Amino acid sequence: MNVNLSRRLRPAMYVLLAGTLVSFATAVPSQTGASLPANVGTGNCDRACLQAHAEEFIGALIAHDPSKASLAKNVRYSENSVPLPIPDGFWKNASGVRPYRLYIADPEWGTIGFYARMYENGAPVIVSTRLRVYDHQITEIETVVTTERGRQDPAAGAAAPPPPDYLGEKPRPEYTQIVPPAQRRSREELMRIVNTYFTGIENNTGDKPPMFSSKCNRLEDGRPTSNVPVPAGREPGGSNMSCAADIAMGYHRNDNRIRSRRVMAVDLEHQVVMTSVYFDHENDSSIRSYTLKNGKTVTVNDTSPSTLQAHETFSIDKEGISQVEAVFTNVTYGTRPWFSTGFHMDSPQSVKDGFNEYER
């Protein structure tokens, strides 16, 4: 992408492979069915209940006081893929919060995801978090904290005006509108559509188009990376194109392994899906330079292998992926997620490479 660098198992597990739902026998701990991940909630915490837990958690962060959140005794916490004790990391450095909230509430799975614009020792950050709620207690906290790209305040005396604020104080309406029940896609169909995005970008040559809506827009770390006006005197690049045209042109070929794909929450009422994913860039000689469909050459400047951890959230309309909102952070190359909770979707390249997507 455009970033610088509780229920026991049944014998059948379902995964999404290259956008297709398939099943096979396994004894490996994972989800028990297409709509049931491991360690689902008790189902007794509805949307309002889950959002209240999310707000309570944010308040506890700001207060640097875990007792202000309903944490289970053995709650587990990770921040940017690293397991940490509570309070540590952002728990000690959170210094404020803005009104912006994007909620992805999934009462059936006992999960809520959210994006919030916050401050870390006064610096603007985006915080993306998944909370697992069981018996009205938070048992898992999975957080990504990343700087808002280009939103750092200018230095004292600097003449340059602040950059545009693309996020604002509330999410895009596509994420919050209630879709009539008769028009809603199933959980399985939403997950399948989302997986076409990752499979389409992995080793992209423009030949595996994701299922995009004609209305698609993409924000990454608070900045648009699709449909951006072309600056005067410059040639258009991938971020100046539509979501579909960018991929069809063959950009992002050096995103050569997009793996550890997990659906963390599905908001059926709003037709929104929250995912966790890792983008591996081998950056070897075979991919340092590649040709687009229009004959132009893209040169990769990074010289060493790298991995980006991402939380990406998708709004799905009647055509397909309508909105993408992502937060990224750099992690050590090959980092696996600390959590495996959620619905797993295979990376074809990881399968080919024999890469274990979850074991540390």
Protein backbone atom coordinates (compact mmCIF):
# COMPACT_ATOMS: atom_id res chain seq x y z
CA MET A 1 0.00 0.00 0.00
CA ASN A 2 0.96 3.67 -0.18
CA VAL A 3 2.85 3.76 3.11
CA ASN A 4 6.47 4.53 3.72
CA LEU A 5 7.89 2.55 5.45
CA SER A 6 -16.32 -20.56 24.70
CA ARG A 7 -16.53 -23.08 22.63
CA ARG A 8 -14.41 -26.03 21.74
CA LEU A 9 -13.50 -26.96 18.21
CA ARG A 10 -15.48 -28.92 15.73
CA PRO A 11 -13.55 -31.07 13.24
CA ALA A 12 -14.21 -28.77 10.30
CA MET A 13 -12.57 -25.38 9.97
CA TYR A 14 -13.48 -22.88 7.29
CA VAL A 15 -11.07 -20.48 5.68
CA LEU A 16 -11.28 -18.06 2.80
CA LEU A 17 -8.74 -18.95 0.15
CA ALA A 18 -8.34 -16.53 -2.75
CA GLY A 19 -11.79 -15.13 -2.00
CA THR A 20 -13.57 -18.50 -1.92
CA LEU A 21 -15.09 -20.21 1.09
CA VAL A 22 -13.76 -23.73 1.52
CA SER A 23 -13.58 -26.24 4.37
CA PHE A 24 -11.23 -29.01 5.41
CA ALA A 25 -10.58 -31.24 8.39
CA THR A 26 -8.19 -29.97 11.02
CA ALA A 27 -7.22 -30.41 14.65
CA VAL A 28 -5.60 -26.98 14.88
CA PRO A 29 -7.33 -24.52 17.27
CA SER A 30 -9.30 -22.05 15.18
CA GLN A 31 -12.83 -20.97 14.40
CA THR A 32 -15.57 -23.58 14.52
CA GLY A 33 -17.49 -22.44 11.46
CA ALA A 34 -17.87 -19.76 8.86
CA SER A 35 -19.63 -17.43 11.28
CA LEU A 36 -18.18 -18.61 14.59
CA PRO A 37 -14.60 -17.79 15.59
CA ALA A 38 -12.89 -19.37 18.56
CA ASN A 39 -13.71 -17.89 21.97
CA VAL A 40 -16.86 -16.09 20.90
CA GLY A 41 -18.73 -13.99 23.39
CA THR A 42 -21.76 -15.01 25.36
CA GLY A 43 -24.05 -12.89 23.18
CA ASN A 44 -25.43 -10.98 26.16
CA CYS A 45 -23.77 -7.66 25.28
CA ASP A 46 -25.62 -5.77 22.54
CA ARG A 47 -24.38 -2.88 20.42
CA ALA A 48 -24.97 -0.26 23.10
CA CYS A 49 -23.29 -2.46 25.71
CA LEU A 50 -20.21 -3.01 23.51
CA GLN A 51 -19.89 0.70 22.72
CA ALA A 52 -20.13 1.51 26.41
CA HIS A 53 -17.22 -0.87 27.07
CA ALA A 54 -15.22 0.85 24.32
CA GLU A 55 -15.82 4.31 25.80
CA GLU A 56 -15.03 3.04 29.27
CA PHE A 57 -11.76 1.63 27.94
CA ILE A 58 -10.83 4.95 26.29
CA GLY A 59 -11.56 6.73 29.56
CA ALA A 60 -9.31 4.30 31.41
CA LEU A 61 -6.50 4.99 28.92
CA ILE A 62 -6.78 8.75 29.39
CA ALA A 63 -6.84 8.33 33.17
CA HIS A 64 -3.92 5.86 33.04
CA ASP A 65 -6.08 3.77 35.37
CA PRO A 66 -7.05 0.19 34.38
CA SER A 67 -9.56 0.05 37.26
CA LYS A 68 -11.81 2.41 35.29
CA ALA A 69 -12.46 -0.33 32.67
CA SER A 70 -14.25 -3.65 33.20
CA LEU A 71 -11.17 -5.81 32.71
CA ALA A 72 -11.23 -9.56 33.31
CA LYS A 73 -8.70 -10.91 35.78
CA ASN A 74 -6.60 -12.54 33.08
CA VAL A 75 -7.11 -9.91 30.34
CA ARG A 76 -4.50 -10.02 27.58
CA TYR A 77 -3.18 -6.89 25.89
CA SER A 78 -1.06 -6.32 22.78
CA GLU A 79 0.13 -3.05 21.27
CA ASN A 80 1.54 -2.99 17.73
CA SER A 81 1.90 -6.82 17.86
CA VAL A 82 3.80 -6.83 21.17
CA PRO A 83 2.25 -8.33 24.33
CA LEU A 84 2.45 -5.87 27.21
CA PRO A 85 1.39 -5.80 30.84
CA ILE A 86 -1.35 -3.38 31.86
CA PRO A 87 -0.68 -0.51 32.27
CA ASP A 88 2.23 -0.10 29.89
CA GLY A 89 2.88 1.46 26.49
CA PHE A 90 0.02 3.70 25.39
CA TRP A 91 -1.67 3.20 28.76
CA LYS A 92 1.03 5.47 30.23
CA ASN A 93 1.24 7.96 27.36
CA ALA A 94 -2.38 8.62 26.28
CA SER A 95 -2.95 12.32 26.85
CA GLY A 96 -6.26 13.18 25.19
CA VAL A 97 -8.99 12.14 22.79
CA ARG A 98 -11.00 13.83 20.06
CA PRO A 99 -14.69 13.16 19.23
CA TYR A 100 -13.93 10.94 16.20
CA ARG A 101 -15.11 7.34 16.67
CA LEU A 102 -15.60 4.61 14.11
CA TYR A 103 -17.27 1.62 15.80
CA ILE A 104 -17.49 -1.91 14.39
CA ALA A 105 -19.85 -3.68 16.78
CA ASP A 106 -20.37 -7.44 16.54
CA PRO A 107 -22.65 -8.68 19.35
CA GLU A 108 -22.77 -12.22 17.94
CA TRP A 109 -18.99 -12.58 18.29
CA GLY A 110 -18.84 -10.57 21.52
CA THR A 111 -16.43 -8.13 19.90
CA ILE A 112 -16.18 -4.44 19.20
CA GLY A 113 -13.56 -2.71 17.12
CA PHE A 114 -13.08 1.03 17.06
CA TYR A 115 -10.89 3.77 15.63
CA ALA A 116 -10.33 6.87 17.76
CA ARG A 117 -8.27 10.00 17.21
CA MET A 118 -6.20 10.48 20.34
CA TYR A 119 -3.05 12.16 21.60
CA GLU A 120 0.13 10.51 22.81
CA ASN A 121 2.06 12.95 24.98
CA GLY A 122 0.40 15.70 22.96
CA ALA A 123 1.11 14.24 19.48
CA PRO A 124 -1.88 13.26 17.28
CA VAL A 125 -2.30 9.51 16.81
CA ILE A 126 -4.93 7.12 15.52
CA VAL A 127 -5.76 4.25 17.83
CA SER A 128 -7.37 1.13 16.37
CA THR A 129 -8.51 -1.44 18.91
CA ARG A 130 -10.37 -4.74 19.11
CA LEU A 131 -12.01 -5.60 22.41
CA ARG A 132 -13.34 -9.04 23.18
CA VAL A 133 -16.13 -8.92 25.77
CA TYR A 134 -17.20 -12.02 27.67
CA ASP A 135 -19.71 -11.93 30.53
CA HIS A 136 -19.50 -8.13 30.44
CA GLN A 137 -15.76 -8.14 31.02
CA ILE A 138 -12.98 -7.26 28.57
CA THR A 139 -10.82 -10.36 28.06
CA GLU A 140 -8.70 -9.32 25.05
CA ILE A 141 -7.36 -5.94 23.93
CA GLU A 142 -5.60 -5.74 20.57
CA THR A 143 -4.38 -2.24 19.74
CA VAL A 144 -2.49 -0.45 16.97
CA VAL A 145 -1.25 3.06 17.74
CA THR A 146 0.11 5.06 14.81
CA THR A 147 0.96 8.67 14.05
CA GLU A 148 -1.47 10.55 11.83
CA ARG A 149 0.42 10.93 8.56
CA GLY A 150 1.11 14.57 7.90
CA ARG A 151 -0.92 15.73 10.89
CA GLN A 152 1.96 16.68 13.16
CA ASP A 153 1.70 20.35 14.10
CA PRO A 154 4.16 22.66 12.28
CA ALA A 155 7.22 23.72 14.24
CA ALA A 156 7.00 27.00 16.12
CA GLY A 157 7.32 29.90 13.71
CA ALA A 158 6.79 27.70 10.64
CA ALA A 159 5.00 29.50 7.82
CA ALA A 160 3.44 26.40 6.25
CA PRO A 161 -0.29 26.00 6.99
CA PRO A 162 -1.45 22.77 8.64
CA PRO A 163 -2.35 19.99 6.20
CA PRO A 164 -6.01 19.21 5.45
CA ASP A 165 -7.92 17.24 8.06
CA TYR A 166 -9.44 14.39 6.08
CA LEU A 167 -10.86 12.44 9.02
CA GLY A 168 -12.70 15.27 10.76
CA GLU A 169 -14.65 14.55 13.92
CA LYS A 170 -16.91 11.78 12.66
CA PRO A 171 -16.57 8.83 10.27
CA ARG A 172 -17.66 8.88 6.67
CA PRO A 173 -21.44 8.31 6.44
CA GLU A 174 -20.98 4.99 4.62
CA TYR A 175 -19.67 3.53 7.88
CA THR A 176 -22.59 4.66 10.03
CA GLN A 177 -25.69 4.33 7.86
CA ILE A 178 -28.04 1.50 8.84
CA VAL A 179 -28.65 -0.84 5.91
CA PRO A 180 -32.22 -2.22 5.67
CA PRO A 181 -32.26 -5.95 6.60
CA ALA A 182 -33.51 -7.00 3.16
CA GLN A 183 -30.47 -5.34 1.54
CA ARG A 184 -27.82 -6.79 3.85
CA ARG A 185 -25.28 -9.34 2.72
CA SER A 186 -24.54 -12.29 4.94
CA ARG A 187 -21.50 -12.40 7.21
CA GLU A 188 -19.90 -14.99 4.94
CA GLU A 189 -20.43 -12.90 1.80
CA LEU A 190 -19.01 -9.77 3.43
CA MET A 191 -15.89 -11.68 4.45
CA ARG A 192 -15.50 -13.14 0.98
CA ILE A 193 -15.67 -9.69 -0.63
CA VAL A 194 -13.09 -8.30 1.78
CA ASN A 195 -10.69 -11.13 0.98
CA THR A 196 -10.77 -10.22 -2.71
CA TYR A 197 -9.08 -6.98 -1.69
CA PHE A 198 -6.08 -8.65 -0.09
CA THR A 199 -5.77 -11.40 -2.69
CA GLY A 200 -6.05 -8.80 -5.45
CA ILE A 201 -3.19 -6.70 -4.04
CA GLU A 202 -0.84 -9.57 -3.12
CA ASN A 203 1.81 -9.76 -5.90
CA ASN A 204 -0.48 -7.53 -7.93
CA THR A 205 -0.18 -7.57 -11.70
CA GLY A 206 -3.62 -6.07 -12.33
CA ASP A 207 -5.19 -9.42 -13.18
CA LYS A 208 -7.08 -10.18 -9.93
CA PRO A 209 -9.41 -7.21 -9.47
CA PRO A 210 -10.98 -6.87 -6.02
CA MET A 211 -14.73 -6.40 -5.80
CA PHE A 212 -14.80 -2.60 -5.63
CA SER A 213 -17.74 -0.24 -5.65
CA SER A 214 -17.62 2.64 -8.12
CA LYS A 215 -17.84 4.90 -5.04
CA CYS A 216 -14.70 3.51 -3.41
CA ASN A 217 -12.42 5.82 -1.43
CA ARG A 218 -9.44 4.83 0.70
CA LEU A 219 -7.85 6.56 3.71
CA GLU A 220 -4.61 5.31 5.24
CA ASP A 221 -3.39 6.77 8.56
CA GLY A 222 -5.81 9.63 8.05
CA ARG A 223 -4.75 10.54 4.51
CA PRO A 224 -6.42 9.69 1.18
CA THR A 225 -4.61 7.19 -1.05
CA SER A 226 -7.20 7.08 -3.82
CA ASN A 227 -8.81 9.75 -6.03
CA VAL A 228 -6.25 12.36 -4.94
CA PRO A 229 -6.07 15.35 -7.33
CA VAL A 230 -2.89 15.39 -9.42
CA PRO A 231 -0.56 18.20 -8.30
CA ALA A 232 0.34 20.72 -10.98
CA GLY A 233 3.27 19.64 -13.07
CA ARG A 234 3.22 16.01 -11.93
CA GLU A 235 2.17 12.79 -13.61
CA PRO A 236 -0.62 10.79 -11.96
CA GLY A 237 0.30 7.86 -9.76
CA GLY A 238 -1.68 5.14 -8.05
CA SER A 239 -3.07 7.41 -5.33
CA ASN A 240 -4.50 9.73 -8.00
CA MET A 241 -6.57 6.91 -9.46
CA SER A 242 -9.76 5.22 -8.34
CA CYS A 243 -9.44 2.19 -6.09
CA ALA A 244 -10.13 -0.11 -9.04
CA ALA A 245 -7.87 1.68 -11.54
CA ASP A 246 -4.95 1.71 -9.09
CA ILE A 247 -5.05 -2.08 -8.75
CA ALA A 248 -5.82 -2.68 -12.42
CA MET A 249 -2.73 -0.67 -13.38
CA GLY A 250 -0.54 -3.11 -11.42
CA TYR A 251 0.65 -0.96 -8.53
CA HIS A 252 1.65 -2.56 -5.20
CA ARG A 253 3.40 -5.56 -6.75
CA ASN A 254 5.99 -5.43 -3.97
CA ASP A 255 3.23 -6.23 -1.45
CA ASN A 256 4.31 -9.77 -2.09
CA ARG A 257 2.84 -11.52 0.95
CA ILE A 258 -0.34 -10.22 2.58
CA ARG A 259 -0.91 -12.67 5.37
CA SER A 260 -2.24 -13.40 8.83
CA ARG A 261 -5.54 -12.09 7.46
CA ARG A 262 -8.19 -12.10 10.16
CA VAL A 263 -11.71 -10.79 10.28
CA MET A 264 -11.93 -9.34 13.78
CA ALA A 265 -15.50 -8.01 13.68
CA VAL A 266 -18.46 -7.91 11.30
CA ASP A 267 -21.07 -5.18 11.79
CA LEU A 268 -24.03 -6.62 9.93
CA GLU A 269 -26.29 -3.64 10.63
CA HIS A 270 -23.87 -1.26 8.91
CA GLN A 271 -22.31 -3.82 6.52
CA VAL A 272 -18.80 -3.07 7.81
CA VAL A 273 -15.90 -5.49 8.31
CA MET A 274 -12.80 -4.91 10.46
CA THR A 275 -9.65 -6.91 9.71
CA SER A 276 -6.09 -7.39 10.88
CA VAL A 277 -3.41 -8.11 8.27
CA TYR A 278 0.36 -8.02 7.73
CA PHE A 279 2.02 -6.77 4.53
CA ASP A 280 5.41 -8.39 3.88
CA HIS A 281 7.82 -6.77 1.41
CA GLU A 282 10.77 -8.99 0.53
CA ASN A 283 12.29 -6.17 -1.56
CA ASP A 284 14.67 -8.57 -3.31
CA SER A 285 16.16 -7.88 -6.72
CA SER A 286 13.27 -9.52 -8.58
CA ILE A 287 10.79 -6.94 -7.30
CA ARG A 288 12.91 -3.80 -6.91
CA SER A 289 11.68 -2.66 -10.31
CA TYR A 290 8.45 -3.64 -12.06
CA THR A 291 6.40 -2.54 -15.07
CA LEU A 292 2.83 -1.28 -14.93
CA LYS A 293 0.11 -2.06 -17.45
CA ASN A 294 0.78 1.28 -19.15
CA GLY A 295 4.44 0.41 -19.67
CA LYS A 296 5.82 2.70 -16.98
CA THR A 297 8.41 1.39 -14.54
CA VAL A 298 8.05 1.55 -10.76
CA THR A 299 11.26 1.50 -8.72
CA VAL A 300 11.13 0.32 -5.11
CA ASN A 301 13.43 2.46 -2.99
CA ASP A 302 13.45 0.31 0.14
CA THR A 303 16.54 -1.88 0.26
CA SER A 304 15.71 -4.27 3.10
CA PRO A 305 12.76 -6.57 3.82
CA SER A 306 9.97 -4.97 5.84
CA THR A 307 6.55 -5.69 7.32
CA LEU A 308 3.59 -3.41 7.95
CA GLN A 309 0.92 -4.35 10.46
CA ALA A 310 -2.49 -3.01 9.51
CA HIS A 311 -6.01 -2.78 10.80
CA GLU A 312 -8.23 -2.24 7.76
CA THR A 313 -11.96 -1.63 7.92
CA PHE A 314 -14.26 -1.90 4.92
CA SER A 315 -17.72 -0.56 4.16
CA ILE A 316 -19.56 -2.76 1.65
CA ASP A 317 -22.38 -1.45 -0.55
CA LYS A 318 -24.47 -3.18 -3.23
CA GLU A 319 -21.56 -3.06 -5.69
CA GLY A 320 -18.73 -4.09 -3.38
CA ILE A 321 -16.05 -2.35 -1.31
CA SER A 322 -17.18 1.24 -0.96
CA GLN A 323 -14.81 2.63 1.69
CA VAL A 324 -11.47 1.55 3.13
CA GLU A 325 -10.02 2.98 6.33
CA ALA A 326 -6.62 1.68 7.42
CA VAL A 327 -4.01 2.28 10.07
CA PHE A 328 -0.47 0.99 9.56
CA THR A 329 2.58 0.60 11.74
CA ASN A 330 6.05 -0.75 10.98
CA VAL A 331 6.98 -3.98 12.74
CA THR A 332 9.97 -6.30 12.48
CA TYR A 333 10.01 -8.25 9.21
CA GLY A 334 8.03 -11.46 9.54
CA THR A 335 6.26 -10.46 12.77
CA ARG A 336 3.23 -12.62 13.53
CA PRO A 337 0.17 -11.36 15.41
CA TRP A 338 0.06 -11.94 19.14
CA PHE A 339 -3.64 -12.82 18.88
CA SER A 340 -5.25 -15.31 16.53
CA THR A 341 -8.85 -14.60 17.57
CA GLY A 342 -11.13 -14.10 14.59
CA PHE A 343 -11.93 -15.62 11.21
CA HIS A 344 -8.81 -16.63 9.28
CA MET A 345 -8.38 -16.01 5.54
CA ASP A 346 -5.44 -17.66 3.83
CA SER A 347 -2.75 -15.81 1.91
CA PRO A 348 -2.03 -17.79 -1.27
CA GLN A 349 1.61 -16.65 -1.17
CA SER A 350 2.00 -17.78 2.45
CA VAL A 351 0.62 -21.17 1.51
CA LYS A 352 3.08 -21.37 -1.39
CA ASP A 353 5.98 -20.27 0.83
CA GLY A 354 5.06 -22.59 3.68
CA PHE A 355 4.96 -19.52 5.95
CA ASN A 356 3.34 -20.17 9.33
CA GLU A 357 1.04 -17.18 9.65
CA TYR A 358 0.38 -17.34 13.38
CA GLU A 359 2.91 -19.38 15.32
CA ARG A 360 5.59 -17.28 17.01
